[in-house]
Protein backbone atom coordinates (compact mmCIF):
# COMPACT_ATOMS: atom_id res chain seq x y z
CA MET A 1 -4.89 -36.35 -72.58
CA VAL A 2 -2.46 -36.72 -69.68
CA MET A 3 -0.47 -33.85 -68.31
CA THR A 4 2.02 -33.67 -65.46
CA VAL A 5 2.22 -30.70 -63.16
CA ALA A 6 4.15 -29.74 -60.08
CA SER A 7 2.77 -30.84 -56.73
CA PRO A 8 0.60 -28.15 -55.12
CA LYS A 9 1.99 -28.99 -51.70
CA ASN A 10 4.27 -25.97 -51.57
CA SER A 11 1.50 -23.71 -52.89
CA ILE A 12 -0.92 -24.85 -50.20
CA ASN A 13 1.74 -24.24 -47.57
CA THR A 14 2.18 -20.76 -49.00
CA VAL A 15 -1.55 -20.15 -48.70
CA PHE A 16 -1.51 -21.32 -45.09
CA GLN A 17 1.41 -19.02 -44.34
CA ARG A 18 -0.46 -16.15 -45.98
CA VAL A 19 -3.49 -16.90 -43.85
CA GLY A 20 -1.25 -16.94 -40.81
CA VAL A 21 -0.28 -13.34 -41.46
CA TYR A 22 -3.87 -12.42 -40.63
CA GLY A 23 -3.87 -14.35 -37.40
CA PHE A 24 -5.46 -17.57 -38.62
CA GLY A 25 -2.49 -19.84 -37.91
CA GLY A 26 0.72 -20.38 -39.84
CA SER A 27 3.76 -22.62 -39.80
CA GLY A 28 3.85 -25.37 -37.28
CA HIS A 29 0.09 -25.88 -37.40
CA LYS A 30 -0.80 -29.50 -36.67
CA ARG A 31 -2.47 -31.47 -39.39
CA ARG A 32 -6.12 -31.99 -38.45
CA LYS A 33 -8.56 -34.79 -39.06
CA TYR A 34 -9.84 -33.20 -42.27
CA ASP A 35 -6.61 -31.71 -43.64
CA THR A 36 -7.11 -30.48 -47.19
CA ARG A 37 -4.06 -32.24 -48.57
CA ASP A 38 -4.67 -35.56 -50.35
CA GLU A 39 -2.90 -38.73 -49.18
CA GLU A 40 -1.51 -39.29 -52.68
CA GLU A 41 0.07 -35.87 -52.56
CA GLU A 42 2.17 -36.78 -49.54
CA GLU A 43 3.11 -40.21 -50.83
CA GLY A 44 3.87 -39.09 -54.37
CA GLU A 45 7.14 -37.93 -55.87
CA GLY A 46 6.02 -34.34 -56.27
CA THR A 47 4.05 -34.88 -59.47
CA MET A 48 0.42 -35.66 -60.13
CA GLU A 49 -1.56 -36.71 -63.18
CA MET A 50 -4.70 -35.07 -64.45
CA MET A 51 -6.98 -36.72 -66.99
CA GLN A 52 -8.92 -34.70 -69.56
CA ILE A 53 -9.18 -31.35 -67.85
CA GLY A 54 -12.05 -30.22 -70.05
CA ALA A 55 -14.10 -33.41 -69.69
CA GLU A 56 -17.66 -33.27 -68.47
CA ARG A 57 -18.25 -34.69 -65.02
CA THR A 58 -20.79 -34.66 -62.22
CA LYS A 59 -20.60 -31.32 -60.45
CA ASN A 60 -20.65 -31.08 -56.66
CA VAL A 61 -23.05 -28.62 -55.03
CA LEU A 62 -22.56 -27.80 -51.35
CA ILE A 63 -25.49 -26.11 -49.62
CA LEU A 64 -24.55 -24.39 -46.36
CA MET A 65 -27.32 -24.18 -43.75
CA SER A 66 -28.01 -24.20 -40.04
CA ASP A 67 -31.00 -25.42 -38.05
CA THR A 68 -31.57 -22.01 -36.50
CA GLY A 69 -35.27 -22.17 -37.26
CA GLY A 70 -36.76 -24.62 -39.72
CA GLY A 71 -36.70 -22.36 -42.76
CA HIS A 72 -33.01 -22.68 -43.65
CA ARG A 73 -33.06 -26.48 -43.87
CA ALA A 74 -36.40 -26.44 -45.69
CA SER A 75 -34.99 -24.09 -48.34
CA ALA A 76 -31.80 -26.13 -48.63
CA GLU A 77 -33.71 -29.37 -49.15
CA ALA A 78 -36.05 -27.69 -51.63
CA ILE A 79 -33.05 -26.58 -53.71
CA ARG A 80 -31.50 -30.06 -53.48
CA ASP A 81 -34.73 -31.69 -54.67
CA ALA A 82 -35.09 -29.18 -57.51
CA PHE A 83 -31.56 -29.98 -58.74
CA ARG A 84 -32.47 -33.67 -58.81
CA SER A 85 -35.77 -32.96 -60.52
CA GLU A 86 -34.34 -30.69 -63.20
CA PHE A 87 -30.87 -32.11 -63.82
CA GLY A 88 -30.78 -35.69 -62.51
CA ASP A 89 -27.25 -37.01 -62.01
CA GLU A 90 -25.61 -33.94 -63.50
CA TYR A 91 -25.19 -32.55 -59.98
CA GLN A 92 -24.39 -34.21 -56.66
CA VAL A 93 -25.87 -32.10 -53.88
CA PHE A 94 -24.77 -32.04 -50.22
CA VAL A 95 -26.75 -30.21 -47.52
CA LYS A 96 -24.41 -29.50 -44.62
CA ASP A 97 -24.12 -27.49 -41.43
CA VAL A 98 -20.39 -26.85 -41.72
CA TRP A 99 -20.33 -24.87 -38.49
CA LYS A 100 -21.76 -27.75 -36.45
CA GLU A 101 -19.58 -30.40 -38.07
CA TYR A 102 -16.24 -28.61 -38.22
CA ALA A 103 -16.11 -25.45 -36.11
CA GLY A 104 -16.04 -24.97 -32.36
CA TRP A 105 -18.08 -22.88 -29.93
CA PRO A 106 -20.06 -20.70 -30.45
CA LEU A 107 -20.52 -21.57 -34.15
CA ASN A 108 -21.17 -25.27 -33.49
CA ASP A 109 -23.88 -24.43 -30.97
CA MET A 110 -25.87 -21.87 -32.96
CA GLU A 111 -28.97 -24.06 -33.05
CA ASN A 112 -29.30 -24.29 -29.26
CA SER A 113 -28.35 -20.65 -28.78
CA TYR A 114 -31.02 -19.56 -31.24
CA LYS A 115 -33.71 -21.69 -29.59
CA PHE A 116 -32.81 -20.23 -26.20
CA MET A 117 -33.01 -16.66 -27.47
CA ILE A 118 -36.29 -17.27 -29.29
CA LYS A 119 -37.83 -18.52 -26.04
CA HIS A 120 -36.57 -15.29 -24.43
CA VAL A 121 -37.47 -13.22 -27.45
CA GLN A 122 -36.16 -9.89 -26.19
CA LEU A 123 -32.67 -11.42 -26.14
CA TRP A 124 -33.03 -12.25 -29.82
CA LYS A 125 -34.30 -8.75 -30.59
CA VAL A 126 -31.24 -7.23 -28.95
CA ALA A 127 -28.88 -9.67 -30.69
CA PHE A 128 -30.45 -9.04 -34.10
CA HIS A 129 -30.34 -5.27 -33.98
CA SER A 130 -27.08 -4.82 -32.06
CA THR A 131 -25.15 -6.88 -34.66
CA SER A 132 -26.71 -5.09 -37.66
CA PRO A 133 -24.07 -2.32 -38.00
CA ARG A 134 -21.42 -3.48 -40.45
CA TRP A 135 -18.45 -2.67 -38.25
CA ILE A 136 -19.87 -4.84 -35.46
CA HIS A 137 -20.72 -7.97 -37.44
CA SER A 138 -17.53 -7.63 -39.52
CA PHE A 139 -15.46 -7.62 -36.34
CA TYR A 140 -17.45 -10.59 -34.98
CA LEU A 141 -17.02 -12.65 -38.17
CA ALA A 142 -13.31 -11.82 -38.39
CA ALA A 143 -12.88 -13.02 -34.81
CA MET A 144 -14.67 -16.28 -35.64
CA ALA A 145 -12.47 -16.71 -38.71
CA ALA A 146 -9.36 -16.20 -36.57
CA PHE A 147 -10.29 -19.33 -34.62
CA TYR A 148 -12.00 -21.54 -37.20
CA ALA A 149 -11.03 -20.56 -40.76
CA LYS A 150 -8.88 -23.67 -41.25
CA GLU A 151 -11.58 -25.97 -39.90
CA VAL A 152 -14.15 -24.36 -42.20
CA GLU A 153 -11.68 -24.65 -45.07
CA ALA A 154 -11.25 -28.37 -44.37
CA GLY A 155 -15.01 -28.81 -44.25
CA LEU A 156 -15.50 -27.08 -47.59
CA MET A 157 -12.65 -28.90 -49.29
CA GLU A 158 -13.89 -32.32 -48.16
CA TYR A 159 -16.80 -31.94 -50.59
CA LYS A 160 -14.72 -30.34 -53.36
CA PRO A 161 -17.62 -28.13 -54.42
CA ASP A 162 -18.07 -26.64 -57.86
CA ILE A 163 -20.97 -24.61 -56.51
CA ILE A 164 -21.57 -23.35 -52.96
CA ILE A 165 -25.05 -22.18 -52.01
CA SER A 166 -25.56 -20.35 -48.73
CA VAL A 167 -29.06 -20.31 -47.25
CA HIS A 168 -27.97 -18.76 -43.94
CA PRO A 169 -26.84 -15.19 -43.14
CA LEU A 170 -23.70 -16.32 -41.28
CA MET A 171 -22.43 -18.53 -44.10
CA GLN A 172 -21.19 -15.97 -46.60
CA HIS A 173 -18.15 -14.20 -45.20
CA ILE A 174 -15.87 -16.96 -43.88
CA PRO A 175 -16.46 -19.40 -46.80
CA LEU A 176 -15.80 -16.58 -49.29
CA TRP A 177 -12.60 -15.68 -47.47
CA VAL A 178 -11.53 -19.32 -47.72
CA LEU A 179 -12.18 -19.39 -51.47
CA LYS A 180 -10.17 -16.20 -51.88
CA TRP A 181 -7.19 -17.54 -49.95
CA GLN A 182 -7.26 -20.79 -51.93
CA GLY A 183 -7.44 -18.99 -55.26
CA LEU A 184 -10.77 -20.69 -56.00
CA GLN A 185 -12.99 -17.68 -56.70
CA LYS A 186 -13.10 -18.34 -60.44
CA LYS A 187 -13.44 -22.09 -60.04
CA VAL A 188 -16.23 -22.21 -57.46
CA ILE A 189 -19.57 -20.48 -58.00
CA PHE A 190 -20.86 -18.95 -54.76
CA VAL A 191 -24.48 -17.85 -54.47
CA THR A 192 -26.72 -16.74 -51.63
CA VAL A 193 -30.40 -17.69 -51.40
CA ILE A 194 -32.05 -15.34 -48.91
CA THR A 195 -34.80 -17.06 -46.94
CA ASP A 196 -36.44 -13.90 -45.58
CA LEU A 197 -39.35 -12.21 -47.32
CA ASN A 198 -38.75 -8.63 -46.22
CA THR A 199 -36.64 -7.76 -43.16
CA CYS A 200 -33.10 -9.11 -43.52
CA HIS A 201 -30.02 -9.05 -41.34
CA PRO A 202 -27.17 -7.28 -43.20
CA THR A 203 -24.93 -10.37 -42.97
CA TRP A 204 -27.03 -11.86 -45.79
CA PHE A 205 -25.35 -9.48 -48.24
CA HIS A 206 -21.78 -9.92 -49.47
CA PRO A 207 -20.44 -8.23 -52.62
CA GLY A 208 -18.25 -11.24 -53.39
CA VAL A 209 -21.11 -13.57 -54.38
CA ASN A 210 -21.81 -14.50 -57.97
CA ARG A 211 -25.54 -14.23 -57.40
CA CYS A 212 -27.88 -13.18 -54.63
CA TYR A 213 -31.38 -14.63 -54.95
CA CYS A 214 -33.97 -12.46 -53.23
CA ALA A 215 -37.46 -13.52 -52.18
CA SER A 216 -39.01 -10.12 -52.91
CA GLU A 217 -38.34 -6.69 -54.40
CA GLU A 218 -38.04 -5.33 -50.86
CA VAL A 219 -35.11 -7.67 -50.20
CA ALA A 220 -33.52 -6.75 -53.53
CA LYS A 221 -33.62 -3.06 -52.57
CA ARG A 222 -31.82 -3.90 -49.33
CA ALA A 223 -29.19 -5.81 -51.29
CA LEU A 224 -28.51 -2.78 -53.49
CA LEU A 225 -28.19 -0.54 -50.43
CA ASP A 226 -25.65 -2.97 -48.94
CA GLY A 227 -23.33 -2.77 -51.93
CA LEU A 228 -24.40 -5.48 -54.36
CA GLU A 229 -24.65 -4.72 -58.08
CA GLU A 230 -27.88 -5.15 -60.03
CA SER A 231 -26.18 -7.86 -62.12
CA GLN A 232 -25.68 -9.94 -58.96
CA ILE A 233 -29.34 -9.82 -57.89
CA GLN A 234 -32.26 -11.97 -59.03
CA VAL A 235 -35.77 -11.82 -57.57
CA PHE A 236 -37.44 -15.22 -57.92
CA GLY A 237 -39.18 -15.78 -54.59
CA LEU A 238 -38.66 -18.15 -51.69
CA PRO A 239 -37.65 -21.72 -52.63
CA ILE A 240 -40.39 -24.20 -51.72
CA ARG A 241 -39.96 -27.95 -52.19
CA PRO A 242 -40.96 -29.21 -55.66
CA SER A 243 -43.43 -31.78 -54.26
CA PHE A 244 -45.41 -28.86 -52.80
CA CYS A 245 -45.17 -26.50 -55.77
CA ARG A 246 -46.10 -29.04 -58.43
CA ALA A 247 -48.78 -30.93 -56.53
CA VAL A 248 -52.05 -31.04 -58.47
CA LEU A 249 -54.70 -31.21 -55.78
CA SER A 250 -58.48 -31.35 -55.65
CA LYS A 251 -59.98 -29.96 -52.44
CA ASP A 252 -62.87 -32.44 -52.59
CA ASP A 253 -60.55 -35.43 -53.07
CA LEU A 254 -58.23 -34.25 -50.28
CA ARG A 255 -61.06 -33.86 -47.80
CA LEU A 256 -62.20 -37.38 -48.62
CA GLU A 257 -58.66 -38.73 -48.20
CA LEU A 258 -58.10 -36.84 -44.93
CA GLU A 259 -61.52 -37.86 -43.57
CA MET A 260 -62.77 -34.31 -43.24
CA ASP A 261 -66.28 -32.93 -43.57
CA PRO A 262 -66.70 -32.49 -47.34
CA VAL A 263 -68.86 -29.34 -47.12
CA LEU A 264 -67.85 -27.21 -44.12
CA PRO A 265 -65.24 -24.47 -44.75
CA THR A 266 -61.99 -25.23 -42.97
CA VAL A 267 -59.44 -23.20 -41.03
CA LEU A 268 -55.89 -24.49 -40.55
CA LEU A 269 -54.22 -23.48 -37.27
CA MET A 270 -50.44 -23.82 -37.33
CA GLY A 271 -48.22 -24.10 -34.28
CA GLY A 272 -44.94 -24.29 -36.20
CA GLY A 273 -42.47 -27.17 -36.05
CA GLU A 274 -42.22 -26.88 -32.26
CA GLY A 275 -45.94 -26.24 -31.70
CA MET A 276 -45.28 -22.78 -30.24
CA GLY A 277 -47.56 -19.74 -29.99
CA PRO A 278 -51.10 -19.21 -28.64
CA VAL A 279 -52.39 -22.41 -30.25
CA LYS A 280 -54.50 -23.73 -27.37
CA LYS A 281 -56.32 -20.43 -26.70
CA THR A 282 -56.92 -19.86 -30.40
CA ALA A 283 -58.22 -23.38 -30.95
CA LYS A 284 -60.68 -23.07 -28.05
CA ALA A 285 -61.87 -19.69 -29.31
CA LEU A 286 -62.44 -21.14 -32.77
CA GLY A 287 -64.34 -24.04 -31.26
CA GLU A 288 -66.80 -21.51 -29.86
CA SER A 289 -67.02 -19.05 -32.77
CA LEU A 290 -67.50 -21.70 -35.46
CA PHE A 291 -70.55 -23.17 -33.74
CA ASP A 292 -73.83 -21.37 -34.46
CA GLU A 293 -75.91 -21.57 -31.29
CA GLU A 294 -79.10 -20.44 -33.06
CA ILE A 295 -79.19 -23.34 -35.53
CA GLY A 296 -77.26 -25.71 -33.29
CA LYS A 297 -74.76 -26.58 -36.03
CA PRO A 298 -71.12 -25.82 -36.85
CA ILE A 299 -70.36 -23.28 -39.59
CA GLY A 300 -66.78 -24.47 -40.04
CA GLN A 301 -64.23 -27.09 -39.08
CA LEU A 302 -60.74 -26.86 -37.58
CA ILE A 303 -57.41 -28.53 -38.32
CA VAL A 304 -54.65 -27.98 -35.74
CA ILE A 305 -51.01 -28.78 -36.55
CA CYS A 306 -49.13 -29.05 -33.25
CA GLY A 307 -45.69 -29.91 -34.63
CA ARG A 308 -43.44 -31.78 -32.20
CA ASN A 309 -45.36 -30.53 -29.16
CA LYS A 310 -46.84 -33.81 -27.93
CA ASP A 311 -48.21 -32.22 -24.76
CA LEU A 312 -50.23 -29.81 -26.88
CA VAL A 313 -51.62 -32.72 -28.90
CA SER A 314 -52.71 -34.50 -25.71
CA THR A 315 -54.23 -31.34 -24.22
CA LEU A 316 -56.31 -30.53 -27.31
CA GLU A 317 -57.42 -34.13 -27.80
CA ALA A 318 -58.77 -34.18 -24.24
CA LEU A 319 -61.10 -31.23 -24.88
CA GLN A 320 -64.76 -31.57 -25.81
CA TRP A 321 -65.46 -30.01 -29.21
CA LYS A 322 -68.76 -28.85 -30.72
CA ILE A 323 -67.28 -28.60 -34.22
CA PRO A 324 -65.33 -31.11 -36.35
CA VAL A 325 -61.69 -30.94 -35.26
CA LYS A 326 -58.55 -32.81 -36.27
CA ILE A 327 -55.47 -32.59 -34.07
CA ARG A 328 -52.20 -33.46 -35.80
CA GLY A 329 -48.58 -33.59 -34.68
CA PHE A 330 -45.59 -32.98 -36.97
CA GLU A 331 -46.68 -33.19 -40.61
CA THR A 332 -44.57 -33.81 -43.70
CA GLN A 333 -47.39 -33.47 -46.26
CA MET A 334 -48.51 -29.93 -45.64
CA GLU A 335 -49.48 -29.53 -49.29
CA LYS A 336 -52.44 -31.83 -48.60
CA TRP A 337 -53.62 -30.14 -45.40
CA MET A 338 -53.25 -26.68 -46.93
CA GLY A 339 -54.96 -27.83 -50.09
CA ALA A 340 -57.95 -29.04 -48.08
CA CYS A 341 -58.40 -25.77 -46.15
CA ASP A 342 -59.84 -22.32 -46.88
CA CYS A 343 -57.67 -20.09 -44.65
CA ILE A 344 -54.71 -20.38 -42.30
CA ILE A 345 -53.64 -19.01 -38.91
CA THR A 346 -49.89 -18.95 -38.32
CA LYS A 347 -46.98 -16.92 -37.05
CA ALA A 348 -45.11 -14.91 -39.67
CA GLY A 349 -42.57 -17.55 -40.72
CA PRO A 350 -41.54 -17.00 -44.36
CA GLY A 351 -41.81 -20.64 -45.43
CA THR A 352 -45.36 -21.11 -44.17
CA ILE A 353 -46.39 -17.78 -45.70
CA ALA A 354 -44.93 -18.73 -49.10
CA GLU A 355 -46.67 -22.11 -49.02
CA ALA A 356 -50.00 -20.57 -48.01
CA LEU A 357 -49.75 -18.08 -50.89
CA ILE A 358 -49.14 -20.89 -53.37
CA ARG A 359 -52.33 -22.59 -52.12
CA GLY A 360 -54.25 -19.30 -52.22
CA LEU A 361 -55.01 -19.29 -48.50
CA PRO A 362 -55.92 -16.02 -46.78
CA ILE A 363 -53.56 -15.66 -43.81
CA ILE A 364 -54.17 -14.55 -40.24
CA LEU A 365 -50.77 -13.78 -38.74
CA ASN A 366 -50.85 -14.08 -34.95
CA ASP A 367 -47.20 -13.49 -34.03
CA TYR A 368 -43.71 -12.86 -35.40
CA ILE A 369 -40.11 -13.14 -34.28
CA PRO A 370 -38.58 -9.65 -33.87
CA GLY A 371 -36.03 -8.86 -36.55
CA GLN A 372 -36.27 -11.13 -39.56
CA GLU A 373 -40.02 -11.90 -39.32
CA LYS A 374 -41.34 -8.43 -38.46
CA GLY A 375 -41.34 -7.30 -42.09
CA ASN A 376 -43.37 -10.33 -43.16
CA VAL A 377 -46.46 -8.80 -41.56
CA PRO A 378 -46.73 -5.78 -43.91
CA TYR A 379 -45.68 -8.06 -46.79
CA VAL A 380 -48.89 -10.05 -46.28
CA VAL A 381 -51.23 -7.31 -45.02
CA ASP A 382 -50.26 -4.54 -47.45
CA ASN A 383 -50.69 -6.92 -50.39
CA GLY A 384 -54.21 -7.80 -49.27
CA ALA A 385 -53.45 -11.45 -48.62
CA GLY A 386 -54.23 -11.48 -44.90
CA VAL A 387 -54.49 -9.67 -41.57
CA PHE A 388 -52.53 -9.47 -38.32
CA THR A 389 -53.85 -9.89 -34.79
CA ARG A 390 -52.40 -11.40 -31.64
CA SER A 391 -55.81 -11.83 -30.01
CA PRO A 392 -57.25 -15.39 -30.11
CA LYS A 393 -60.79 -13.99 -29.74
CA GLU A 394 -60.30 -11.53 -32.60
CA THR A 395 -58.84 -14.32 -34.73
CA ALA A 396 -61.84 -16.53 -34.05
CA ARG A 397 -64.25 -13.68 -34.85
CA LEU A 398 -62.54 -13.00 -38.20
CA VAL A 399 -62.69 -16.65 -39.26
CA ALA A 400 -66.36 -16.92 -38.28
CA GLU A 401 -67.14 -13.85 -40.41
CA TRP A 402 -65.17 -15.20 -43.37
CA PHE A 403 -67.16 -18.44 -43.17
CA SER A 404 -70.57 -16.72 -42.89
CA THR A 405 -71.22 -13.05 -43.67
CA LYS A 406 -67.93 -12.04 -45.33
CA THR A 407 -67.26 -14.80 -47.84
CA ASP A 408 -66.54 -12.17 -50.51
CA GLU A 409 -63.65 -10.84 -48.39
CA LEU A 410 -62.28 -14.37 -48.03
CA LYS A 411 -62.45 -14.83 -51.82
CA ARG A 412 -60.74 -11.49 -52.48
CA MET A 413 -57.87 -12.32 -50.11
CA SER A 414 -57.51 -15.75 -51.70
CA ASP A 415 -57.14 -14.15 -55.14
CA ASN A 416 -54.55 -11.70 -53.77
CA ALA A 417 -52.61 -14.57 -52.20
CA LEU A 418 -52.41 -16.37 -55.54
CA LYS A 419 -51.18 -13.17 -57.22
CA LEU A 420 -48.42 -12.84 -54.63
CA ALA A 421 -47.38 -16.51 -54.87
CA GLN A 422 -44.19 -17.56 -56.66
CA PRO A 423 -44.47 -21.34 -57.07
CA ASN A 424 -41.65 -21.59 -59.63
CA ALA A 425 -39.03 -19.85 -57.48
CA VAL A 426 -36.99 -22.93 -56.63
CA PHE A 427 -36.86 -24.04 -60.27
CA ASP A 428 -35.87 -20.56 -61.46
CA ILE A 429 -33.07 -20.51 -58.88
CA VAL A 430 -31.52 -23.86 -59.85
CA LYS A 431 -31.85 -23.10 -63.57
CA ASP A 432 -30.04 -19.80 -63.11
CA ILE A 433 -27.29 -21.51 -61.09
CA HIS A 434 -27.00 -24.09 -63.87
CA GLU A 435 -26.55 -21.28 -66.41
CA LEU A 436 -23.81 -19.78 -64.25
CA ALA A 437 -22.07 -23.16 -64.19
CA CYS A 438 -22.34 -23.51 -67.97
CA GLN A 439 -20.71 -20.11 -68.45
CA ARG A 440 -17.55 -21.21 -66.64
CA GLY A 441 -14.55 -22.24 -68.73
CA PRO A 442 -12.83 -25.66 -68.84
CA LEU A 443 -10.47 -24.80 -65.97
CA VAL A 444 -13.34 -25.34 -63.52
CA ASN A 445 -12.83 -29.08 -64.08
CA ILE A 446 -9.30 -28.97 -62.70
CA PRO A 447 -9.06 -31.33 -59.69
CA TYR A 448 -8.98 -29.62 -56.32
CA SER A 449 -5.54 -31.03 -55.60
CA LEU A 450 -4.19 -28.82 -58.39
CA THR A 451 -6.07 -25.60 -57.85
CA SER A 452 -3.45 -23.88 -55.73
CA SER A 453 -0.89 -24.38 -58.51
CA PHE A 454 -3.32 -22.79 -60.96
CA SER A 455 -4.44 -19.93 -58.71
CA SER A 456 -2.53 -17.40 -60.76
CA LEU A 457 -4.36 -18.56 -63.89
CA ILE A 458 -7.93 -18.88 -62.61
C-alpha cells in the first residue's frame, strides 16, 4: 500500500514556534548539526511516500543514562542485553548519554560534577536535599530546557525511538516535554527504570510515563506519593545483567578456576569501580583477624577488588600476608568472584547489593553516599541480610566470628539474602515493555518524518 501525505515541514515549524512561546527558541533559529528534518523533506516537492503503515518492523529502543556513578550504565546495559536475549532482532537498542552528546554545560558535564561532589560528600548531600522540593527542581529543569530543549529533541529524533527508557533521575522531564511538543506521546512508549533500592530523588517520578519500574515496595510507595497511579507502577527489582542472573555456578569449580584455597571460607572486599572507601585498612584488619595465632593457621581467605585504583593494587600487593589473599583490579566477571565467596564487604551501592543478594552473600555495609544510598542500609539490615559498620576492626571481627563461632548466623543471613533477591527483574522489565509495545495500534509504525502531520490523530 502506498499513500501520499502532505509534507510535515510546516507542522514541524509550527511546533518550533509553539516551543518558542515558552522561551525555547522560535523563528529564525539556525538549523543545527542534528536538525530533525530529513534531507528528502527539503529536497522533495512537498509530498512523501509511506509504505505499509501497519507492517511489522524492527523497533528502536533508546535508553537514556549518564555515568554519574556506575549503576546507571550497568542497568542500561543489563536491559539492552535482556532485550537481545529475549527478543533477538525484534528490537534495536541504543544506550546513550543524550546530555553529554547533545546538550551544553552543565548537563554535558554531569559526570565530572558528580565525581567532584562525591569526593566532597557534604556538597553532594546539600545538592541532593536542596533540590528535592518540587518547585526547586521543576524550576531548574525548566531553565535547562530553555537552553537545550531543541538539542535534546535533535538527539532523541536521531534514533527515531519507538520506546524510550530512562535509567537516570534527570532524564524524564525534558524528553517527555519534547515528546509532548512533537505530538509523539501516543507513538513513543516512555518508561522509567529506577536504579535506587530505597531512597530516591523526587526527579525520578513523572506522571507522564507509561510505566515506572521500581526496585522495591519502598520505592513504589514513594512513586504513589509523588503522583503516579498504581497502574503505572510495577515492582520487579533492580535490573542485573543476564549473564550474572542466569549463571549456573559451582563454588568448588569456581575456586579451582580462580586458584583459590578450596576449603577456607572466603570474604570478598569491594572497593567499587574507582577503588574508593576504607579498603586498605579493612584488608589489613582482615589479614590479622582471619589468622588464628593459637593454631598458627588461617581461618579464612580474602579477595580484594580494587577497581581502577592501580595505586591501591600496588600498595596491597606489597604487604606481607599471613592468610591467602588475592588482589584484583577492575573485574568484569563479578558473578564468578561472588560465586566463590561466602560473604561480602562493600559500600551501599544498589547494584552490588542486588548482585550479592542473588548470590546469597551476607553483606557488611561499610559506607554509603548521602541521599540515594542512605536508605539501602536499612533495606539490607532490616531484612536480615547483613549489617552496617564503618569500623575496619569491627568488620574484621564480624567476619572472623562468621567463619568460626557464628557460622549459623552466616547461614541465616545467606538464606535471608536469597529471599530478598530478585534475579528475574531485568527479564520481567523487558517483557512488560514488550507487552506495552504490542498493545500499541498500527499508527506507531508511521515514519517519524510524518508524525507531526498525524499529531492530531495519535
